[in-house]
Amino acid sequence: MPIERLYIESCCFIDVIKYDLKSSKNLPQDLQDNIWHIQKLLKASEVKDIQVITSTLTIAECRRANQEKPPGGEVKRLINSILTSGKIVTLAQVTQGIAERARDLEWIDGINLKGADAIHIATALITGCKEFLTSDKQGSRSPLKNAGKIKKLNLDVIYPSQTSLLPADYRQNKLY
């Protein structure tokens, strides 16, 4: 039986990296829930219970993990271990086909997204993902604001805490 594929957008990786560095204090509960789900999804992906996909564009978008100064060794280690180790996340190259599909989201489907978001959505569509996970709520051109239109293309745009693809074994917290 093939494993389920889901797409995780850059902002979710940045949230996890910032959380792992303890640079975010007193996080709102919804962000904590999203981070918890991303961490569990990454564990499930590492042992091949699901497949997490993101674009190679994510590497550039996560380069500082939204920090003001250039990253130190720990930030670089976290980014590399999650994104480029080849063990947890499957990276999809930005190809001409993906760029054209990103363009066609507006030209054909009437979905007006920011450029990077269009690349992310097109990558998720072309790689056969069922869910697109994001925590980016900004602007009328964000994937979440266009979730209804994108749903018509058989891709659910949701918060990480709304995923239905996390296997049941990972939904349990440890008691200790």
C-alpha atoms as a PDB file:
ATOM      1  CA  MET A   1       0.000   0.000   0.000  1.00  0.00           C
ATOM      2  CA  PRO A   2       1.479   3.401  -0.968  1.00  0.00           C
ATOM      3  CA  ILE A   3       2.131   5.835   1.842  1.00  0.00           C
ATOM      4  CA  GLU A   4       0.278   9.148   2.040  1.00  0.00           C
ATOM      5  CA  ARG A   5       1.985  12.313   0.814  1.00  0.00           C
ATOM      6  CA  LEU A   6       1.599  15.734   2.324  1.00  0.00           C
ATOM      7  CA  TYR A   7       3.279  19.046   1.697  1.00  0.00           C
ATOM      8  CA  ILE A   8       4.726  21.245   4.431  1.00  0.00           C
ATOM      9  CA  GLU A   9       5.311  24.889   3.585  1.00  0.00           C
ATOM     10  CA  SER A  10       8.337  26.915   4.757  1.00  0.00           C
ATOM     11  CA  CYS A  11       6.596  28.784   7.580  1.00  0.00           C
ATOM     12  CA  CYS A  12       5.864  25.497   9.382  1.00  0.00           C
ATOM     13  CA  PHE A  13       9.545  24.503   9.306  1.00  0.00           C
ATOM     14  CA  ILE A  14      10.493  27.973  10.589  1.00  0.00           C
ATOM     15  CA  ASP A  15       8.019  27.589  13.481  1.00  0.00           C
ATOM     16  CA  VAL A  16       9.586  24.232  14.448  1.00  0.00           C
ATOM     17  CA  ILE A  17      13.157  25.538  14.183  1.00  0.00           C
ATOM     18  CA  LYS A  18      12.373  28.596  16.307  1.00  0.00           C
ATOM     19  CA  TYR A  19      10.614  26.407  18.863  1.00  0.00           C
ATOM     20  CA  ASP A  20      13.538  23.948  18.976  1.00  0.00           C
ATOM     21  CA  LEU A  21      15.890  26.868  19.606  1.00  0.00           C
ATOM     22  CA  LYS A  22      13.638  28.070  22.429  1.00  0.00           C
ATOM     23  CA  SER A  23      13.637  31.503  20.813  1.00  0.00           C
ATOM     24  CA  SER A  24       9.853  31.698  21.099  1.00  0.00           C
ATOM     25  CA  LYS A  25       8.514  32.210  24.595  1.00  0.00           C
ATOM     26  CA  ASN A  26       4.883  31.843  25.662  1.00  0.00           C
ATOM     27  CA  LEU A  27       3.576  30.634  22.332  1.00  0.00           C
ATOM     28  CA  PRO A  28      -0.167  30.751  21.724  1.00  0.00           C
ATOM     29  CA  GLN A  29      -1.864  27.366  22.091  1.00  0.00           C
ATOM     30  CA  ASP A  30      -2.757  27.103  18.401  1.00  0.00           C
ATOM     31  CA  LEU A  31       0.898  27.579  17.403  1.00  0.00           C
ATOM     32  CA  GLN A  32       2.000  24.997  19.989  1.00  0.00           C
ATOM     33  CA  ASP A  33      -0.551  22.552  18.521  1.00  0.00           C
ATOM     34  CA  ASN A  34       0.737  23.190  14.992  1.00  0.00           C
ATOM     35  CA  ILE A  35       4.365  22.681  16.068  1.00  0.00           C
ATOM     36  CA  TRP A  36       3.484  19.453  17.902  1.00  0.00           C
ATOM     37  CA  HIS A  37       1.802  18.077  14.767  1.00  0.00           C
ATOM     38  CA  ILE A  38       4.707  19.057  12.516  1.00  0.00           C
ATOM     39  CA  GLN A  39       7.173  17.357  14.879  1.00  0.00           C
ATOM     40  CA  LYS A  40       5.068  14.178  14.858  1.00  0.00           C
ATOM     41  CA  LEU A  41       4.707  14.265  11.073  1.00  0.00           C
ATOM     42  CA  LEU A  42       8.478  14.604  10.694  1.00  0.00           C
ATOM     43  CA  LYS A  43       9.001  11.584  12.970  1.00  0.00           C
ATOM     44  CA  ALA A  44       6.490   9.573  10.946  1.00  0.00           C
ATOM     45  CA  SER A  45       8.219  10.633   7.729  1.00  0.00           C
ATOM     46  CA  GLU A  46      11.634   9.631   9.060  1.00  0.00           C
ATOM     47  CA  VAL A  47      10.464   6.028   9.470  1.00  0.00           C
ATOM     48  CA  LYS A  48       8.517   6.135   6.178  1.00  0.00           C
ATOM     49  CA  ASP A  49       5.012   5.950   7.665  1.00  0.00           C
ATOM     50  CA  ILE A  50       4.138   9.006   5.548  1.00  0.00           C
ATOM     51  CA  GLN A  51       6.007  11.106   3.014  1.00  0.00           C
ATOM     52  CA  VAL A  52       6.622  14.785   3.723  1.00  0.00           C
ATOM     53  CA  ILE A  53       7.373  16.835   0.632  1.00  0.00           C
ATOM     54  CA  THR A  54       8.537  20.422   0.265  1.00  0.00           C
ATOM     55  CA  SER A  55      10.081  22.473  -2.509  1.00  0.00           C
ATOM     56  CA  THR A  56      13.805  23.177  -2.722  1.00  0.00           C
ATOM     57  CA  LEU A  57      12.611  26.795  -2.457  1.00  0.00           C
ATOM     58  CA  THR A  58      12.029  26.054   1.244  1.00  0.00           C
ATOM     59  CA  ILE A  59      15.786  25.810   1.809  1.00  0.00           C
ATOM     60  CA  ALA A  60      16.213  29.454   0.774  1.00  0.00           C
ATOM     61  CA  GLU A  61      13.111  30.607   2.651  1.00  0.00           C
ATOM     62  CA  CYS A  62      14.302  29.002   5.895  1.00  0.00           C
ATOM     63  CA  ARG A  63      17.876  30.300   5.632  1.00  0.00           C
ATOM     64  CA  ARG A  64      17.558  32.467   8.765  1.00  0.00           C
ATOM     65  CA  ALA A  65      14.504  30.900  10.362  1.00  0.00           C
ATOM     66  CA  ASN A  66      13.006  34.418  10.494  1.00  0.00           C
ATOM     67  CA  GLN A  67      15.731  35.736  12.766  1.00  0.00           C
ATOM     68  CA  GLU A  68      17.187  39.224  12.396  1.00  0.00           C
ATOM     69  CA  LYS A  69      20.840  38.172  12.351  1.00  0.00           C
ATOM     70  CA  PRO A  70      22.543  35.503  10.250  1.00  0.00           C
ATOM     71  CA  PRO A  71      22.109  32.046  11.737  1.00  0.00           C
ATOM     72  CA  GLY A  72      24.569  30.480  14.130  1.00  0.00           C
ATOM     73  CA  GLY A  73      25.751  26.897  14.093  1.00  0.00           C
ATOM     74  CA  GLU A  74      22.693  25.469  15.866  1.00  0.00           C
ATOM     75  CA  VAL A  75      20.222  27.084  13.456  1.00  0.00           C
ATOM     76  CA  LYS A  76      22.223  25.816  10.489  1.00  0.00           C
ATOM     77  CA  ARG A  77      22.381  22.332  11.999  1.00  0.00           C
ATOM     78  CA  LEU A  78      18.611  22.240  12.555  1.00  0.00           C
ATOM     79  CA  ILE A  79      17.841  23.492   9.050  1.00  0.00           C
ATOM     80  CA  ASN A  80      20.205  20.968   7.483  1.00  0.00           C
ATOM     81  CA  SER A  81      19.070  18.049   9.627  1.00  0.00           C
ATOM     82  CA  ILE A  82      15.416  18.636   8.802  1.00  0.00           C
ATOM     83  CA  LEU A  83      15.526  19.836   5.204  1.00  0.00           C
ATOM     84  CA  THR A  84      18.644  18.582   3.483  1.00  0.00           C
ATOM     85  CA  SER A  85      19.619  15.367   5.235  1.00  0.00           C
ATOM     86  CA  GLY A  86      17.535  13.301   2.821  1.00  0.00           C
ATOM     87  CA  LYS A  87      16.201  11.288   5.767  1.00  0.00           C
ATOM     88  CA  ILE A  88      13.081  13.201   6.770  1.00  0.00           C
ATOM     89  CA  VAL A  89      11.835  15.447   3.976  1.00  0.00           C
ATOM     90  CA  THR A  90      11.609  14.744   0.259  1.00  0.00           C
ATOM     91  CA  LEU A  91      12.747  17.820  -1.665  1.00  0.00           C
ATOM     92  CA  ALA A  92      11.041  18.562  -4.985  1.00  0.00           C
ATOM     93  CA  GLN A  93      12.992  20.566  -7.540  1.00  0.00           C
ATOM     94  CA  VAL A  94      11.462  23.695  -9.037  1.00  0.00           C
ATOM     95  CA  THR A  95      11.132  22.587 -12.649  1.00  0.00           C
ATOM     96  CA  GLN A  96       9.704  24.336 -15.684  1.00  0.00           C
ATOM     97  CA  GLY A  97       6.560  22.212 -15.269  1.00  0.00           C
ATOM     98  CA  ILE A  98       6.108  23.357 -11.684  1.00  0.00           C
ATOM     99  CA  ALA A  99       6.724  27.001 -12.633  1.00  0.00           C
ATOM    100  CA  GLU A 100       4.151  26.743 -15.426  1.00  0.00           C
ATOM    101  CA  ARG A 101       1.629  25.092 -13.084  1.00  0.00           C
ATOM    102  CA  ALA A 102       2.256  27.917 -10.586  1.00  0.00           C
ATOM    103  CA  ARG A 103       1.519  30.449 -13.336  1.00  0.00           C
ATOM    104  CA  ASP A 104      -1.568  28.511 -14.420  1.00  0.00           C
ATOM    105  CA  LEU A 105      -3.023  28.633 -10.935  1.00  0.00           C
ATOM    106  CA  GLU A 106      -3.939  32.220 -11.810  1.00  0.00           C
ATOM    107  CA  TRP A 107      -4.246  31.996 -15.597  1.00  0.00           C
ATOM    108  CA  ILE A 108      -6.447  28.895 -15.672  1.00  0.00           C
ATOM    109  CA  ASP A 109      -7.767  28.304 -12.155  1.00  0.00           C
ATOM    110  CA  GLY A 110      -8.275  31.940 -11.109  1.00  0.00           C
ATOM    111  CA  ILE A 111      -6.213  31.517  -7.927  1.00  0.00           C
ATOM    112  CA  ASN A 112      -4.058  34.586  -7.281  1.00  0.00           C
ATOM    113  CA  LEU A 113      -1.204  33.683  -4.917  1.00  0.00           C
ATOM    114  CA  LYS A 114       2.127  35.306  -4.116  1.00  0.00           C
ATOM    115  CA  GLY A 115       4.925  33.899  -6.302  1.00  0.00           C
ATOM    116  CA  ALA A 116       6.547  31.627  -3.718  1.00  0.00           C
ATOM    117  CA  ASP A 117       3.160  30.389  -2.500  1.00  0.00           C
ATOM    118  CA  ALA A 118       2.173  29.566  -6.078  1.00  0.00           C
ATOM    119  CA  ILE A 119       5.371  27.498  -6.438  1.00  0.00           C
ATOM    120  CA  HIS A 120       4.584  25.669  -3.186  1.00  0.00           C
ATOM    121  CA  ILE A 121       0.985  24.896  -4.206  1.00  0.00           C
ATOM    122  CA  ALA A 122       2.035  23.814  -7.711  1.00  0.00           C
ATOM    123  CA  THR A 123       4.690  21.530  -6.233  1.00  0.00           C
ATOM    124  CA  ALA A 124       2.137  19.943  -3.898  1.00  0.00           C
ATOM    125  CA  LEU A 125      -0.260  19.372  -6.788  1.00  0.00           C
ATOM    126  CA  ILE A 126       2.329  17.914  -9.149  1.00  0.00           C
ATOM    127  CA  THR A 127       3.793  15.595  -6.487  1.00  0.00           C
ATOM    128  CA  GLY A 128       0.364  14.188  -5.613  1.00  0.00           C
ATOM    129  CA  CYS A 129       0.001  15.520  -2.083  1.00  0.00           C
ATOM    130  CA  LYS A 130      -3.388  15.318  -0.379  1.00  0.00           C
ATOM    131  CA  GLU A 131      -2.739  18.062   2.182  1.00  0.00           C
ATOM    132  CA  PHE A 132      -0.837  21.343   2.139  1.00  0.00           C
ATOM    133  CA  LEU A 133       0.172  22.415   5.634  1.00  0.00           C
ATOM    134  CA  THR A 134       0.755  26.083   6.398  1.00  0.00           C
ATOM    135  CA  SER A 135       0.555  28.507   9.291  1.00  0.00           C
ATOM    136  CA  ASP A 136       0.798  31.621   7.095  1.00  0.00           C
ATOM    137  CA  LYS A 137      -2.369  33.688   7.513  1.00  0.00           C
ATOM    138  CA  GLN A 138      -1.054  36.827   5.860  1.00  0.00           C
ATOM    139  CA  GLY A 139      -2.938  38.555   3.111  1.00  0.00           C
ATOM    140  CA  SER A 140      -5.656  37.832   0.610  1.00  0.00           C
ATOM    141  CA  ARG A 141      -3.139  36.065  -1.640  1.00  0.00           C
ATOM    142  CA  SER A 142      -2.141  33.409   0.919  1.00  0.00           C
ATOM    143  CA  PRO A 143      -2.926  29.709   0.457  1.00  0.00           C
ATOM    144  CA  LEU A 144      -5.255  29.700   3.499  1.00  0.00           C
ATOM    145  CA  LYS A 145      -7.318  32.579   2.088  1.00  0.00           C
ATOM    146  CA  ASN A 146      -7.620  30.622  -1.166  1.00  0.00           C
ATOM    147  CA  ALA A 147      -8.226  27.208   0.433  1.00  0.00           C
ATOM    148  CA  GLY A 148     -11.717  26.849  -1.061  1.00  0.00           C
ATOM    149  CA  LYS A 149     -10.488  27.379  -4.610  1.00  0.00           C
ATOM    150  CA  ILE A 150      -7.463  25.105  -4.081  1.00  0.00           C
ATOM    151  CA  LYS A 151      -9.718  22.379  -2.622  1.00  0.00           C
ATOM    152  CA  LYS A 152     -11.352  22.133  -6.058  1.00  0.00           C
ATOM    153  CA  LEU A 153      -7.934  20.947  -7.314  1.00  0.00           C
ATOM    154  CA  ASN A 154      -8.031  18.058  -4.762  1.00  0.00           C
ATOM    155  CA  LEU A 155      -5.607  19.643  -2.316  1.00  0.00           C
ATOM    156  CA  ASP A 156      -6.630  20.543   1.233  1.00  0.00           C
ATOM    157  CA  VAL A 157      -4.920  23.693   2.541  1.00  0.00           C
ATOM    158  CA  ILE A 158      -4.977  23.424   6.323  1.00  0.00           C
ATOM    159  CA  TYR A 159      -3.172  24.191   9.555  1.00  0.00           C
ATOM    160  CA  PRO A 160      -0.853  21.379  10.696  1.00  0.00           C
ATOM    161  CA  SER A 161      -3.128  20.625  13.662  1.00  0.00           C
ATOM    162  CA  GLN A 162      -5.932  19.807  11.191  1.00  0.00           C
ATOM    163  CA  THR A 163      -4.089  17.035   9.374  1.00  0.00           C
ATOM    164  CA  SER A 164      -5.887  13.759   8.853  1.00  0.00           C
ATOM    165  CA  LEU A 165      -2.744  12.040   7.547  1.00  0.00           C
ATOM    166  CA  LEU A 166      -0.832  11.704  10.827  1.00  0.00           C
ATOM    167  CA  PRO A 167      -0.927   7.971  11.653  1.00  0.00           C
ATOM    168  CA  ALA A 168      -2.789   7.097  14.858  1.00  0.00           C
ATOM    169  CA  ASP A 169       0.372   5.775  16.556  1.00  0.00           C
ATOM    170  CA  TYR A 170       1.823   9.300  16.506  1.00  0.00           C
ATOM    171  CA  ARG A 171      -1.235  11.043  17.928  1.00  0.00           C
ATOM    172  CA  GLN A 172      -0.508   9.806  21.458  1.00  0.00           C
ATOM    173  CA  ASN A 173       1.547  11.827  23.938  1.00  0.00           C
ATOM    174  CA  LYS A 174       3.888   9.956  26.239  1.00  0.00           C
ATOM    175  CA  LEU A 175       2.813   9.820  29.885  1.00  0.00           C
ATOM    176  CA  TYR A 176       6.262  10.508  31.270  1.00  0.00           C
END
